[in-house]
C-alpha atoms as a PDB file:
ATOM      1  CA  UNK A   1     223.933 108.823 193.105  1.00  0.00           C
ATOM      2  CA  UNK A   2     224.853 109.043 196.989  1.00  0.00           C
ATOM      3  CA  UNK A   3     227.949 110.844 198.157  1.00  0.00           C
ATOM      4  CA  UNK A   4     229.208 111.555 201.493  1.00  0.00           C
ATOM      5  CA  UNK A   5     226.877 114.830 202.029  1.00  0.00           C
ATOM      6  CA  UNK A   6     223.565 113.479 200.492  1.00  0.00           C
ATOM      7  CA  UNK A   7     222.043 109.986 200.620  1.00  0.00           C
ATOM      8  CA  UNK A   8     218.676 109.258 199.125  1.00  0.00           C
ATOM      9  CA  UNK A   9     218.591 105.747 200.306  1.00  0.00           C
ATOM     10  CA  UNK A  10     218.668 104.011 196.736  1.00  0.00           C
ATOM     11  CA  UNK A  11     221.334 101.790 195.641  1.00  0.00           C
ATOM     12  CA  UNK A  12     222.062 100.723 192.179  1.00  0.00           C
ATOM     13  CA  UNK A  13     223.976  97.665 192.947  1.00  0.00           C
ATOM     14  CA  UNK A  14     221.442  95.768 194.795  1.00  0.00           C
ATOM     15  CA  UNK A  15     219.513  94.355 191.820  1.00  0.00           C
ATOM     16  CA  UNK A  16     222.755  94.078 189.902  1.00  0.00           C
ATOM     17  CA  UNK A  17     224.496  91.622 192.472  1.00  0.00           C
ATOM     18  CA  UNK A  18     221.147  89.613 192.665  1.00  0.00           C
ATOM     19  CA  UNK A  19     221.033  89.312 189.034  1.00  0.00           C
ATOM     20  CA  UNK A  20     224.659  88.695 188.817  1.00  0.00           C
ATOM     21  CA  UNK A  21     224.327  85.736 191.150  1.00  0.00           C
ATOM     22  CA  UNK A  22     221.427  84.323 189.266  1.00  0.00           C
ATOM     23  CA  UNK A  23     222.853  84.743 185.793  1.00  0.00           C
ATOM     24  CA  UNK A  24     226.382  83.252 186.936  1.00  0.00           C
ATOM     25  CA  UNK A  25     224.465  80.214 188.479  1.00  0.00           C
ATOM     26  CA  UNK A  26     222.612  79.583 185.299  1.00  0.00           C
ATOM     27  CA  UNK A  27     225.762  80.178 183.313  1.00  0.00           C
ATOM     28  CA  UNK A  28     227.918  77.806 185.248  1.00  0.00           C
ATOM     29  CA  UNK A  29     225.335  75.085 185.097  1.00  0.00           C
ATOM     30  CA  UNK A  30     224.875  75.557 181.392  1.00  0.00           C
ATOM     31  CA  UNK A  31     228.657  75.857 180.911  1.00  0.00           C
ATOM     32  CA  UNK A  32     229.050  72.132 181.504  1.00  0.00           C
ATOM     33  CA  UNK A  33     227.267  71.563 178.220  1.00  0.00           C
ATOM     34  CA  UNK A  34     228.315  74.542 176.283  1.00  0.00           C
ATOM     35  CA  UNK A  35     231.578  75.174 174.748  1.00  0.00           C
ATOM     36  CA  UNK A  36     233.921  77.312 176.799  1.00  0.00           C
ATOM     37  CA  UNK A  37     233.204  75.468 180.116  1.00  0.00           C
ATOM     38  CA  UNK A  38     231.448  76.474 183.237  1.00  0.00           C
ATOM     39  CA  UNK A  39     233.913  79.188 184.456  1.00  0.00           C
ATOM     40  CA  UNK A  40     233.719  81.107 181.257  1.00  0.00           C
ATOM     41  CA  UNK A  41     229.902  81.117 181.300  1.00  0.00           C
ATOM     42  CA  UNK A  42     229.510  81.738 184.973  1.00  0.00           C
ATOM     43  CA  UNK A  43     231.884  84.937 184.697  1.00  0.00           C
ATOM     44  CA  UNK A  44     230.072  86.011 181.666  1.00  0.00           C
ATOM     45  CA  UNK A  45     226.672  85.430 183.389  1.00  0.00           C
ATOM     46  CA  UNK A  46     227.961  87.486 186.430  1.00  0.00           C
ATOM     47  CA  UNK A  47     228.999  90.307 184.187  1.00  0.00           C
ATOM     48  CA  UNK A  48     225.684  90.471 182.096  1.00  0.00           C
ATOM     49  CA  UNK A  49     223.413  90.162 185.122  1.00  0.00           C
ATOM     50  CA  UNK A  50     225.305  92.954 186.919  1.00  0.00           C
ATOM     51  CA  UNK A  51     225.033  95.267 183.975  1.00  0.00           C
ATOM     52  CA  UNK A  52     221.086  94.258 183.278  1.00  0.00           C
ATOM     53  CA  UNK A  53     220.365  94.732 187.041  1.00  0.00           C
ATOM     54  CA  UNK A  54     222.255  98.111 187.423  1.00  0.00           C
ATOM     55  CA  UNK A  55     220.597  99.516 184.252  1.00  0.00           C
ATOM     56  CA  UNK A  56     217.207  98.275 185.426  1.00  0.00           C
ATOM     57  CA  UNK A  57     217.759 100.165 188.664  1.00  0.00           C
ATOM     58  CA  UNK A  58     218.740 103.159 186.859  1.00  0.00           C
ATOM     59  CA  UNK A  59     215.870 103.231 184.734  1.00  0.00           C
ATOM     60  CA  UNK A  60     213.399 102.902 187.478  1.00  0.00           C
ATOM     61  CA  UNK A  61     215.279 105.661 189.443  1.00  0.00           C
ATOM     62  CA  UNK A  62     214.975 107.923 186.237  1.00  0.00           C
ATOM     63  CA  UNK A  63     211.192 107.131 186.061  1.00  0.00           C
ATOM     64  CA  UNK A  64     210.397 107.779 189.608  1.00  0.00           C
ATOM     65  CA  UNK A  65     212.536 110.883 189.748  1.00  0.00           C
ATOM     66  CA  UNK A  66     210.895 112.453 186.779  1.00  0.00           C
ATOM     67  CA  UNK A  67     207.462 111.625 188.080  1.00  0.00           C
ATOM     68  CA  UNK A  68     208.148 113.200 191.482  1.00  0.00           C
ATOM     69  CA  UNK A  69     209.611 116.310 189.703  1.00  0.00           C
ATOM     70  CA  UNK A  70     206.594 116.619 187.509  1.00  0.00           C
ATOM     71  CA  UNK A  71     204.325 116.305 190.852  1.00  0.00           C
ATOM     72  CA  UNK A  72     206.500 118.790 192.566  1.00  0.00           C
ATOM     73  CA  UNK A  73     206.111 121.295 189.531  1.00  0.00           C
ATOM     74  CA  UNK A  74     202.274 120.815 189.515  1.00  0.00           C
ATOM     75  CA  UNK A  75     202.169 121.501 193.252  1.00  0.00           C
ATOM     76  CA  UNK A  76     200.858 118.014 194.306  1.00  0.00           C
ATOM     77  CA  UNK A  77     203.884 117.384 196.420  1.00  0.00           C
ATOM     78  CA  UNK A  78     205.504 119.343 199.184  1.00  0.00           C
ATOM     79  CA  UNK A  79     204.218 122.045 201.347  1.00  0.00           C
ATOM     80  CA  UNK A  80     201.451 119.749 202.194  1.00  0.00           C
ATOM     81  CA  UNK A  81     201.218 120.871 205.804  1.00  0.00           C
ATOM     82  CA  UNK A  82     199.925 124.233 204.690  1.00  0.00           C
ATOM     83  CA  UNK A  83     196.677 122.879 203.045  1.00  0.00           C
END
């Protein structure tokens, strides 16, 4: 996570917003046929898409972070200017 003193350049919200847009569009168009209407299904799709996208970004971050930490412990990353 970024704060005012440290930023790693990753954003967890980007994929969430894209999937929220896509899921809300699909939910609103299908909502004309489904019970509840397009507004309810559009909001539901946006919420679900945002949660799925944010979780996807977080999972990718954790996997990459663990992989980088493992490479640092093995000595494959960092201090490459010495070799």
